[in-house]
Structures are given as structure tokens and as C-alpha cells.
Amino acid sequence: HLFHVYRNRNEEQRRDYSAARDWTSSGRTQSLRNAKLRRARLRGVDLGAGNNDDRGADLAEADLKKADLSRARFVRANLENANLVGAILVHADLTDAILVGADLRRANIEGAIL
């Protein structure tokens, strides 16, 4: 039973990683709301608003604990109630991002644009 739980969790995490990558190339129309991206390696990924779109990624309530988000672009992204504990946000662009209720304890925000 424990093996099945672990396997299902890994499959779900792979699906969420894939969704994040696909979102950036799909015109940014999908929602990543409630994505489980714990320890995601999204360094430099552009999850901000597209050129012709004023919406950023919807990562409300996403689990980004200890994720490497250095230099990521979260312009106008919704990070409401996201778990960013210990996340690396070095030089990330969070311009106009919604951070209400986001947990940034122990997050490294050195050089981040807030």
C-alpha cells in the first residue's frame, strides 16, 4: 500500500512539472492553481504574464517548498497562500505578483524584484 501511495505521488508530481513547462509554451491559458511542485527545479522558468496577456501563472496554494526559482519570472502571477518555505527566489521577478498569505519563511529573496 505504501508503495502505491509513493508511486501515485511521484506520478502526480511529474504531471505537475509537465503542466508548468507546458503552460509556458501554451499561451499561458491553463491554470496551475493548487499545483504540487514541492522541490521543483524551475530555475529561470518564465511563469509571468505573456506578451499579449496580463495574467501570470495561477499558483495559488501551490507547494513550492525548497523550490529553486532563481531568476524565474512571476510577473502578475498568483502566489496567494503558496508554500514558498525555503524557496530560492534569488533575482526572481515578482512584479505585481499576488503574495497574500504566501509563506516565505527561510526563502532566499536576495536581489528579487518585489
Protein backbone atom coordinates (compact mmCIF):
# COMPACT_ATOMS: atom_id res chain seq x y z
CA HIS A 1 0.00 0.00 0.00
CA LEU A 2 2.79 2.44 0.87
CA PHE A 3 4.45 1.73 -2.48
CA HIS A 4 1.24 2.66 -4.34
CA VAL A 5 0.92 5.91 -2.39
CA TYR A 6 4.54 6.80 -3.16
CA ARG A 7 4.14 5.86 -6.86
CA ASN A 8 0.94 7.90 -7.16
CA ARG A 9 2.61 10.91 -5.53
CA ASN A 10 5.53 10.70 -7.97
CA GLU A 11 3.17 10.42 -10.94
CA GLU A 12 1.23 13.44 -9.71
CA GLN A 13 4.43 15.43 -9.27
CA ARG A 14 5.60 14.55 -12.80
CA ARG A 15 2.22 15.66 -14.13
CA ASP A 16 2.52 18.99 -12.31
CA TYR A 17 6.10 19.58 -13.56
CA SER A 18 4.92 18.84 -17.07
CA ALA A 19 1.95 21.19 -16.65
CA ALA A 20 4.28 24.01 -15.56
CA ARG A 21 6.50 23.54 -18.60
CA ASP A 22 3.56 23.16 -20.97
CA TRP A 23 1.89 26.26 -19.51
CA THR A 24 4.79 28.45 -20.60
CA SER A 25 4.52 27.24 -24.18
CA SER A 26 0.72 27.08 -24.48
CA GLY A 27 -0.07 30.76 -24.45
CA ARG A 28 -0.44 30.75 -20.66
CA THR A 29 -4.13 29.93 -20.71
CA GLN A 30 -4.19 26.97 -18.35
CA SER A 31 -4.30 27.30 -14.58
CA LEU A 32 -1.61 25.90 -12.32
CA ARG A 33 -3.80 26.53 -9.29
CA ASN A 34 -3.10 24.07 -6.45
CA ALA A 35 -0.08 22.67 -8.29
CA LYS A 36 2.12 20.47 -6.13
CA LEU A 37 5.62 21.50 -7.14
CA ARG A 38 7.49 20.74 -3.92
CA ARG A 39 11.25 20.96 -4.51
CA ALA A 40 10.60 21.82 -8.14
CA ARG A 41 13.61 22.79 -10.20
CA LEU A 42 12.10 25.69 -12.10
CA ARG A 43 15.21 27.86 -12.15
CA GLY A 44 14.83 30.58 -14.77
CA VAL A 45 11.37 29.42 -15.88
CA ASP A 46 9.14 32.23 -17.08
CA LEU A 47 5.83 31.89 -15.26
CA GLY A 48 4.99 35.55 -15.69
CA ALA A 49 2.46 37.16 -17.96
CA GLY A 50 2.88 36.57 -21.68
CA ASN A 51 3.48 39.32 -24.19
CA ASN A 52 -0.20 39.65 -25.09
CA ASP A 53 -1.69 38.51 -21.80
CA ASP A 54 -1.88 40.26 -18.47
CA ARG A 55 -2.18 37.05 -16.46
CA GLY A 56 0.67 35.28 -14.82
CA ALA A 57 0.61 31.69 -13.64
CA ASP A 58 -2.09 30.82 -11.14
CA LEU A 59 -0.04 29.10 -8.45
CA ALA A 60 -2.45 29.86 -5.61
CA GLU A 61 -1.90 27.36 -2.79
CA ALA A 62 0.93 25.67 -4.73
CA ASP A 63 3.53 23.80 -2.72
CA LEU A 64 6.86 25.28 -3.83
CA LYS A 65 8.74 24.38 -0.65
CA LYS A 66 12.50 24.48 -1.24
CA ALA A 67 11.95 25.02 -4.99
CA ASP A 68 14.77 26.60 -6.97
CA LEU A 69 13.03 29.57 -8.56
CA SER A 70 16.10 31.73 -9.06
CA ARG A 71 15.66 34.18 -11.94
CA ALA A 72 12.12 32.90 -12.51
CA ARG A 73 9.66 35.44 -13.91
CA PHE A 74 6.44 35.59 -11.88
CA VAL A 75 5.11 38.90 -13.24
CA ARG A 76 1.43 39.19 -12.26
CA ALA A 77 1.46 35.57 -11.06
CA ASN A 78 -0.99 34.49 -8.37
CA LEU A 79 1.01 33.02 -5.47
CA GLU A 80 -1.75 33.55 -2.91
CA ASN A 81 -1.31 31.15 0.04
CA ALA A 82 1.57 29.40 -1.76
CA ASN A 83 4.10 27.48 0.32
CA LEU A 84 7.45 29.08 -0.53
CA VAL A 85 9.23 27.99 2.67
CA GLY A 86 12.95 27.75 1.94
CA ALA A 87 12.43 28.53 -1.77
CA ILE A 88 15.29 30.10 -3.70
CA LEU A 89 13.95 33.27 -5.32
CA VAL A 90 17.32 34.90 -6.00
CA HIS A 91 16.85 37.57 -8.71
CA ALA A 92 13.27 36.36 -9.37
CA ASP A 93 10.88 38.93 -10.81
CA LEU A 94 7.71 39.08 -8.70
CA THR A 95 6.45 42.38 -10.13
CA ASP A 96 2.73 42.73 -9.35
CA ALA A 97 2.57 39.13 -8.12
CA ILE A 98 -0.16 38.32 -5.59
CA LEU A 99 1.61 37.15 -2.44
CA VAL A 100 -1.24 37.45 0.09
CA GLY A 101 -0.86 34.65 2.61
CA ALA A 102 2.24 33.22 0.89
CA ASP A 103 4.65 31.60 3.35
CA LEU A 104 8.14 32.96 2.62
CA ARG A 105 9.85 31.76 5.79
CA ARG A 106 13.52 30.99 5.16
CA ALA A 107 13.09 31.88 1.47
CA ASN A 108 16.11 33.48 -0.17
CA ILE A 109 14.84 36.63 -1.91
CA GLU A 110 18.23 38.25 -2.47
CA GLY A 111 18.01 40.53 -5.49
CA ALA A 112 14.36 39.61 -6.13
CA ILE A 113 12.10 42.26 -7.62
CA LEU A 114 9.09 42.65 -5.38
